[in-house]
Amino acid sequence: MRNTFIKIEDVLRMQKERNAINRLKFENIIWTKNNKKIIIAPVVKENWMLCGLNNLDFITSGAYKQKGVKE
């Protein structure tokens, strides 16, 4: 098995970026994919704001793909 080298500086930089995204107000974020705005149904956004998860979880969980979302 080959060793994998991971720079601590890279991990810290990525975490800093993640923290910055999660500090934003969810309702003020315009999500994009391939430089195109993702249209998310208002009900999907409203439900997400009540669930208690963070901004990045909205993407990593796939919640943005719920019915009513147009790409």
N, C-alpha and C. Protein backbone atom coordinates (compact mmCIF):
# COMPACT_ATOMS: atom_id res chain seq x y z
N MET A 1 0.84 -1.18 0.00
CA MET A 1 0.00 0.00 0.00
C MET A 1 0.88 1.25 0.00
N ARG A 2 0.55 2.20 -0.87
CA ARG A 2 1.31 3.46 -0.94
C ARG A 2 0.85 4.43 0.14
N ASN A 3 1.79 5.16 0.65
CA ASN A 3 1.46 6.23 1.59
C ASN A 3 0.87 7.41 0.84
N THR A 4 -0.02 8.10 1.49
CA THR A 4 -0.60 9.32 0.94
C THR A 4 -0.18 10.48 1.82
N PHE A 5 0.36 11.50 1.20
CA PHE A 5 0.77 12.69 1.93
C PHE A 5 -0.34 13.73 1.85
N ILE A 6 -0.71 14.27 2.99
CA ILE A 6 -1.72 15.32 3.05
C ILE A 6 -1.13 16.49 3.81
N LYS A 7 -1.18 17.65 3.18
CA LYS A 7 -0.63 18.85 3.80
C LYS A 7 -1.62 19.39 4.83
N ILE A 8 -1.16 19.54 6.05
CA ILE A 8 -2.00 20.09 7.11
C ILE A 8 -2.49 21.48 6.72
N GLU A 9 -1.64 22.24 6.05
CA GLU A 9 -2.02 23.59 5.62
C GLU A 9 -3.25 23.54 4.70
N ASP A 10 -3.31 22.53 3.84
CA ASP A 10 -4.47 22.40 2.94
C ASP A 10 -5.74 22.09 3.72
N VAL A 11 -5.63 21.20 4.69
CA VAL A 11 -6.79 20.84 5.50
C VAL A 11 -7.30 22.07 6.26
N LEU A 12 -6.39 22.82 6.84
CA LEU A 12 -6.78 24.02 7.59
C LEU A 12 -7.40 25.07 6.68
N ARG A 13 -6.86 25.22 5.47
CA ARG A 13 -7.42 26.18 4.50
C ARG A 13 -8.84 25.77 4.11
N MET A 14 -9.02 24.49 3.82
CA MET A 14 -10.35 24.01 3.43
C MET A 14 -11.36 24.19 4.56
N GLN A 15 -10.92 23.91 5.78
CA GLN A 15 -11.82 24.07 6.92
C GLN A 15 -12.19 25.53 7.12
N LYS A 16 -11.25 26.42 6.89
CA LYS A 16 -11.53 27.85 7.00
C LYS A 16 -12.58 28.26 5.97
N GLU A 17 -12.47 27.75 4.75
CA GLU A 17 -13.45 28.04 3.70
C GLU A 17 -14.82 27.48 4.07
N ARG A 18 -14.85 26.26 4.59
CA ARG A 18 -16.12 25.63 4.99
C ARG A 18 -16.78 26.45 6.10
N ASN A 19 -15.99 26.87 7.08
CA ASN A 19 -16.53 27.68 8.17
C ASN A 19 -17.12 28.99 7.65
N ALA A 20 -16.43 29.61 6.70
CA ALA A 20 -16.92 30.87 6.13
C ALA A 20 -18.27 30.67 5.43
N ILE A 21 -18.40 29.60 4.68
CA ILE A 21 -19.67 29.31 4.00
C ILE A 21 -20.77 29.04 5.02
N ASN A 22 -20.47 28.32 6.06
CA ASN A 22 -21.49 28.00 7.05
C ASN A 22 -21.90 29.19 7.90
N ARG A 23 -21.08 30.24 7.95
CA ARG A 23 -21.44 31.45 8.69
C ARG A 23 -22.39 32.35 7.90
N LEU A 24 -22.51 32.13 6.60
CA LEU A 24 -23.40 32.95 5.78
C LEU A 24 -24.85 32.67 6.12
N LYS A 25 -25.71 33.67 5.93
CA LYS A 25 -27.14 33.45 6.11
C LYS A 25 -27.62 32.60 4.94
N PHE A 26 -28.24 31.48 5.25
CA PHE A 26 -28.69 30.55 4.22
C PHE A 26 -29.57 31.24 3.18
N GLU A 27 -30.48 32.08 3.64
CA GLU A 27 -31.42 32.73 2.72
C GLU A 27 -30.74 33.72 1.77
N ASN A 28 -29.50 34.09 2.03
CA ASN A 28 -28.79 35.03 1.16
C ASN A 28 -27.85 34.34 0.17
N ILE A 29 -27.78 33.02 0.23
CA ILE A 29 -26.87 32.29 -0.65
C ILE A 29 -27.54 32.01 -1.99
N ILE A 30 -26.83 32.29 -3.07
CA ILE A 30 -27.25 31.90 -4.41
C ILE A 30 -26.33 30.76 -4.81
N TRP A 31 -26.88 29.56 -4.88
CA TRP A 31 -26.09 28.38 -5.23
C TRP A 31 -25.94 28.29 -6.73
N THR A 32 -24.76 27.89 -7.19
CA THR A 32 -24.51 27.71 -8.62
C THR A 32 -23.87 26.35 -8.87
N LYS A 33 -24.07 25.86 -10.07
CA LYS A 33 -23.44 24.62 -10.51
C LYS A 33 -23.05 24.82 -11.96
N ASN A 34 -21.79 24.57 -12.28
CA ASN A 34 -21.27 24.81 -13.63
C ASN A 34 -21.56 26.23 -14.09
N ASN A 35 -21.38 27.17 -13.17
CA ASN A 35 -21.57 28.60 -13.42
C ASN A 35 -23.01 28.98 -13.75
N LYS A 36 -23.97 28.12 -13.41
CA LYS A 36 -25.38 28.43 -13.63
C LYS A 36 -26.09 28.43 -12.28
N LYS A 37 -26.96 29.41 -12.11
CA LYS A 37 -27.73 29.52 -10.88
C LYS A 37 -28.67 28.33 -10.75
N ILE A 38 -28.71 27.75 -9.56
CA ILE A 38 -29.62 26.66 -9.25
C ILE A 38 -30.90 27.27 -8.69
N ILE A 39 -32.03 26.97 -9.31
CA ILE A 39 -33.31 27.47 -8.84
C ILE A 39 -33.85 26.45 -7.82
N ILE A 40 -34.04 26.92 -6.60
CA ILE A 40 -34.51 26.05 -5.53
C ILE A 40 -35.88 26.54 -5.08
N ALA A 41 -36.83 25.63 -5.04
CA ALA A 41 -38.19 25.97 -4.63
C ALA A 41 -38.18 26.60 -3.24
N PRO A 42 -38.95 27.67 -3.05
CA PRO A 42 -39.00 28.33 -1.74
C PRO A 42 -39.31 27.36 -0.59
N VAL A 43 -40.19 26.40 -0.83
CA VAL A 43 -40.53 25.46 0.24
C VAL A 43 -39.33 24.60 0.63
N VAL A 44 -38.47 24.28 -0.31
CA VAL A 44 -37.27 23.51 0.00
C VAL A 44 -36.35 24.34 0.89
N LYS A 45 -36.19 25.62 0.57
CA LYS A 45 -35.36 26.50 1.39
C LYS A 45 -35.95 26.67 2.79
N GLU A 46 -37.26 26.89 2.84
CA GLU A 46 -37.92 27.09 4.14
C GLU A 46 -37.76 25.86 5.02
N ASN A 47 -37.97 24.69 4.45
CA ASN A 47 -37.83 23.46 5.22
C ASN A 47 -36.39 23.28 5.71
N TRP A 48 -35.43 23.63 4.87
CA TRP A 48 -34.03 23.47 5.26
C TRP A 48 -33.68 24.37 6.43
N MET A 49 -34.17 25.60 6.40
CA MET A 49 -33.83 26.54 7.47
C MET A 49 -34.37 26.07 8.82
N LEU A 50 -35.37 25.20 8.82
CA LEU A 50 -35.95 24.71 10.06
C LEU A 50 -35.29 23.42 10.57
N CYS A 51 -34.48 22.79 9.75
CA CYS A 51 -33.98 21.45 10.11
C CYS A 51 -32.77 21.47 11.04
N GLY A 52 -32.06 22.58 11.11
CA GLY A 52 -30.94 22.68 12.04
C GLY A 52 -29.58 22.26 11.50
N LEU A 53 -29.53 21.86 10.23
CA LEU A 53 -28.23 21.51 9.64
C LEU A 53 -27.59 22.75 9.03
N ASN A 54 -26.33 22.63 8.63
CA ASN A 54 -25.61 23.81 8.14
C ASN A 54 -25.72 23.97 6.62
N ASN A 55 -25.17 25.07 6.13
CA ASN A 55 -25.26 25.41 4.70
C ASN A 55 -24.62 24.35 3.81
N LEU A 56 -23.46 23.87 4.18
CA LEU A 56 -22.79 22.87 3.35
C LEU A 56 -23.54 21.54 3.34
N ASP A 57 -24.20 21.20 4.44
CA ASP A 57 -24.99 19.98 4.48
C ASP A 57 -26.11 20.02 3.44
N PHE A 58 -26.60 21.21 3.13
CA PHE A 58 -27.65 21.36 2.11
C PHE A 58 -27.19 20.78 0.78
N ILE A 59 -25.91 20.96 0.48
CA ILE A 59 -25.35 20.45 -0.77
C ILE A 59 -24.89 19.00 -0.61
N THR A 60 -24.11 18.73 0.42
CA THR A 60 -23.53 17.39 0.56
C THR A 60 -24.58 16.31 0.81
N SER A 61 -25.71 16.68 1.39
CA SER A 61 -26.79 15.71 1.63
C SER A 61 -27.65 15.50 0.39
N GLY A 62 -27.51 16.40 -0.60
CA GLY A 62 -28.34 16.31 -1.80
C GLY A 62 -29.69 16.97 -1.63
N ALA A 63 -29.91 17.67 -0.52
CA ALA A 63 -31.20 18.31 -0.27
C ALA A 63 -31.57 19.31 -1.36
N TYR A 64 -30.58 19.91 -1.98
CA TYR A 64 -30.86 20.89 -3.03
C TYR A 64 -31.51 20.25 -4.25
N LYS A 65 -31.47 18.92 -4.36
CA LYS A 65 -32.04 18.21 -5.50
C LYS A 65 -33.51 17.84 -5.30
N GLN A 66 -34.08 18.25 -4.18
CA GLN A 66 -35.47 17.89 -3.90
C GLN A 66 -36.41 18.41 -4.96
N LYS A 67 -37.58 17.81 -5.02
CA LYS A 67 -38.60 18.20 -6.00
C LYS A 67 -38.81 19.71 -5.96
N GLY A 68 -38.93 20.27 -7.12
CA GLY A 68 -39.10 21.70 -7.23
C GLY A 68 -37.81 22.42 -7.57
N VAL A 69 -36.73 21.68 -7.63
CA VAL A 69 -35.43 22.26 -7.95
C VAL A 69 -35.17 22.10 -9.43
N LYS A 70 -34.80 23.21 -10.08
CA LYS A 70 -34.48 23.17 -11.51
C LYS A 70 -33.03 23.56 -11.68
N GLU A 71 -32.30 22.80 -12.46
CA GLU A 71 -30.89 23.13 -12.72
C GLU A 71 -30.75 23.67 -14.12
